[in-house]
Protein backbone atom coordinates (compact mmCIF):
# COMPACT_ATOMS: atom_id res chain seq x y z
CA UNK A 1 71.46 33.57 -5.07
CA UNK A 2 68.91 32.17 -2.24
CA UNK A 3 70.18 29.63 0.27
CA UNK A 4 69.29 25.84 0.45
CA UNK A 5 66.55 26.53 3.14
CA UNK A 6 65.00 29.68 1.34
CA UNK A 7 64.77 27.23 -1.66
CA UNK A 8 62.76 24.59 0.25
CA UNK A 9 60.89 26.90 1.79
CA UNK A 10 59.62 28.57 -1.65
CA UNK A 11 59.16 24.82 -2.73
CA UNK A 12 57.11 23.93 0.15
CA UNK A 13 55.22 27.13 -0.52
CA UNK A 14 54.41 26.40 -4.11
CA UNK A 15 52.97 22.66 -3.12
CA UNK A 16 50.71 24.33 -0.84
CA UNK A 17 49.65 26.77 -2.93
CA UNK A 18 49.43 24.53 -5.35
CA UNK A 19 47.62 22.64 -3.10
CA UNK A 20 45.26 25.16 -2.43
CA UNK A 21 44.28 25.71 -5.54
CA UNK A 22 43.40 22.26 -6.27
CA UNK A 23 41.40 22.16 -3.35
CA UNK A 24 39.17 25.63 -4.69
CA UNK A 25 39.44 23.81 -7.99
CA UNK A 26 36.72 21.18 -6.40
CA UNK A 27 35.04 23.30 -4.48
CA UNK A 28 33.76 25.29 -7.90
CA UNK A 29 33.40 21.64 -9.36
CA UNK A 30 31.26 20.73 -6.48
CA UNK A 31 29.47 23.74 -7.00
CA UNK A 32 28.70 23.14 -10.54
CA UNK A 33 27.63 19.58 -10.47
CA UNK A 34 23.23 19.00 -10.76
CA UNK A 35 22.84 17.62 -7.09
CA UNK A 36 19.80 19.63 -6.77
CA UNK A 37 20.74 21.84 -3.72
CA UNK A 38 23.84 24.02 -3.37
CA UNK A 39 26.83 22.03 -1.61
CA UNK A 40 26.48 24.99 1.37
CA UNK A 41 22.64 23.22 1.34
CA UNK A 42 23.79 20.30 1.32
CA UNK A 43 26.15 20.38 4.21
CA UNK A 44 23.17 22.06 6.34
CA UNK A 45 20.79 19.12 5.46
CA UNK A 46 23.28 16.18 5.90
CA UNK A 47 23.98 17.78 9.63
CA UNK A 48 19.91 18.45 10.23
CA UNK A 49 19.56 14.65 8.74
CA UNK A 50 21.86 13.35 12.00
CA UNK A 51 18.88 14.56 14.42
CA UNK A 52 17.46 18.18 14.64
CA UNK A 53 19.89 20.49 16.06
CA UNK A 54 19.68 23.64 17.16
CA UNK A 55 20.42 26.66 15.11
CA UNK A 56 23.52 28.30 16.93
CA UNK A 57 24.86 24.71 17.07
CA UNK A 58 24.41 24.31 13.25
CA UNK A 59 26.54 27.15 12.45
CA UNK A 60 29.11 26.27 14.73
CA UNK A 61 29.43 22.62 13.38
CA UNK A 62 29.20 24.48 9.77
CA UNK A 63 31.60 27.04 11.19
CA UNK A 64 29.54 29.94 9.39
CA UNK A 65 27.91 32.79 10.99
CA UNK A 66 24.57 32.55 12.68
CA UNK A 67 22.81 34.83 9.72
CA UNK A 68 24.01 32.81 7.19
CA UNK A 69 22.33 29.88 8.30
CA UNK A 70 19.33 31.19 9.06
CA UNK A 71 19.56 32.98 5.39
CA UNK A 72 20.43 29.32 4.37
CA UNK A 73 18.11 27.78 6.69
CA UNK A 74 15.27 29.82 4.97
CA UNK A 75 15.34 28.73 1.68
CA UNK A 76 15.85 25.21 2.92
CA UNK A 77 12.57 26.02 4.85
CA UNK A 78 10.90 27.80 1.60
CA UNK A 79 11.72 24.82 -0.63
CA UNK A 80 10.08 22.12 1.24
CA UNK A 81 13.29 20.57 2.32
CA UNK A 82 13.05 21.49 6.12
CA UNK A 83 10.82 22.57 8.61
CA UNK A 84 11.14 24.44 12.03
CA UNK A 85 10.15 23.15 15.02
CA UNK A 86 9.94 24.83 18.38
CA UNK A 87 11.34 22.47 20.96
CA UNK A 88 8.98 20.84 23.64
CA UNK A 89 9.04 22.89 27.05
CA UNK A 90 11.24 25.63 25.21
CA UNK A 91 9.36 27.53 22.49
CA UNK A 92 12.62 29.88 22.78
CA UNK A 93 14.55 26.68 20.85
CA UNK A 94 13.94 25.97 16.98
CA UNK A 95 15.52 22.57 15.41
CA UNK A 96 15.53 22.40 12.11
CA UNK A 97 14.41 18.71 11.02
CA UNK A 98 14.20 17.21 7.55
CA UNK A 99 10.89 16.70 5.61
CA UNK A 100 10.41 13.80 3.31
CA UNK A 101 11.69 15.79 0.16
CA UNK A 102 14.69 16.91 2.01
CA UNK A 103 15.49 13.42 2.79
CA UNK A 104 15.20 12.84 -1.19
CA UNK A 105 16.97 15.78 -1.95
CA UNK A 106 19.81 14.37 0.79
CA UNK A 107 19.66 11.07 -1.68
CA UNK A 108 20.38 12.84 -5.16
CA UNK A 109 22.71 15.01 -3.90
CA UNK A 110 24.54 12.11 -2.49
CA UNK A 111 24.87 10.14 -5.41
CA UNK A 112 25.76 13.37 -7.99
CA UNK A 113 28.84 14.15 -5.54
CA UNK A 114 29.75 10.64 -4.45
CA UNK A 115 29.66 9.42 -8.42
CA UNK A 116 31.55 12.66 -9.60
CA UNK A 117 34.26 12.27 -6.34
CA UNK A 118 34.50 8.48 -6.79
CA UNK A 119 35.06 9.00 -10.47
CA UNK A 120 37.84 11.21 -9.36
CA UNK A 121 39.65 8.97 -7.14
CA UNK A 122 39.58 5.82 -9.49
CA UNK A 123 41.39 8.03 -11.81
CA UNK A 124 44.20 8.73 -9.49
CA UNK A 125 44.37 4.50 -8.35
CA UNK A 126 44.91 6.13 -4.48
CA UNK A 127 41.51 5.97 -3.33
CA UNK A 128 42.09 4.60 0.36
CA UNK A 129 45.21 6.93 0.63
CA UNK A 130 43.30 9.72 -0.68
CA UNK A 131 40.09 8.97 1.66
CA UNK A 132 42.26 8.38 4.51
CA UNK A 133 44.51 11.89 4.13
CA UNK A 134 41.24 13.75 3.81
CA UNK A 135 39.61 12.58 7.00
CA UNK A 136 43.13 13.41 8.77
CA UNK A 137 42.33 16.79 7.33
CA UNK A 138 39.15 16.91 8.55
CA UNK A 139 40.00 16.51 12.25
CA UNK A 140 42.98 18.62 11.78
CA UNK A 141 40.59 21.62 10.72
CA UNK A 142 38.06 20.26 13.73
CA UNK A 143 41.10 20.24 16.12
CA UNK A 144 42.20 23.74 15.30
CA UNK A 145 38.84 24.65 15.20
CA UNK A 146 38.31 23.51 18.78
CA UNK A 147 41.66 25.55 19.89
CA UNK A 148 40.71 28.38 18.52
CA UNK A 149 37.00 28.56 20.45
CA UNK A 150 38.78 27.68 23.82
CA UNK A 151 41.47 30.22 23.20
CA UNK A 152 38.19 32.68 22.60
CA UNK A 153 36.53 31.59 25.77
CA UNK A 154 40.13 31.89 27.45
CA UNK A 155 40.08 35.61 26.46
CA UNK A 156 36.42 36.30 26.85
CA UNK A 157 36.94 34.90 30.90
CA UNK A 158 39.87 37.16 31.42
CA UNK A 159 38.29 40.05 29.94
CA UNK A 160 35.43 39.61 32.40
CA UNK A 161 37.98 38.85 34.76
CA UNK A 162 39.47 42.47 34.64
CA UNK A 163 36.84 44.44 33.99
CA UNK A 164 35.31 42.97 37.47
CA UNK A 165 38.40 43.75 39.27
CA UNK A 166 38.53 46.88 37.45
CA UNK A 167 34.85 47.75 38.47
CA UNK A 168 35.65 46.37 42.36
CA UNK A 169 38.65 48.30 42.56
CA UNK A 170 36.64 51.92 41.71
CA UNK A 171 34.61 51.08 44.01
CA UNK A 172 36.71 50.23 46.54
CA UNK A 173 38.20 53.93 46.03
CA UNK A 174 34.72 55.46 46.46
């Protein structure tokens, strides 16, 4: 027979699994909404619209690999929704900027996505609470990502320091 602590853990796991399945269901529904752009394109367009970011910085903010961002950016440029611009003074730096068609695409997608989500929130009767909780989740994900990146940078610095120590000690032995 399961102990009370084990049963409580199972219930929490079931609730967490249920919540994950709900998030995945919401994600799937958003993919099917006719917004004129995919959710991934929408996320990139929204960030580009905030101010032409470098591609590497966009990839970091979106938590995607650079090749994934490049592929999506290529599709946005090909569709006339964004343009690539070289940084004045440093042509190696390329920024993405929205075109008027990209701005219109964002407006259409904003409307399509928000109408669906607002109707869902309205149905719950807990709009403000859910939005506040989603904001907390967003902040938590951002903080966890910053902590993970910081830990990776720390590990890389330690590895470089160890490599430097190894090189110096082997040079001293010669």
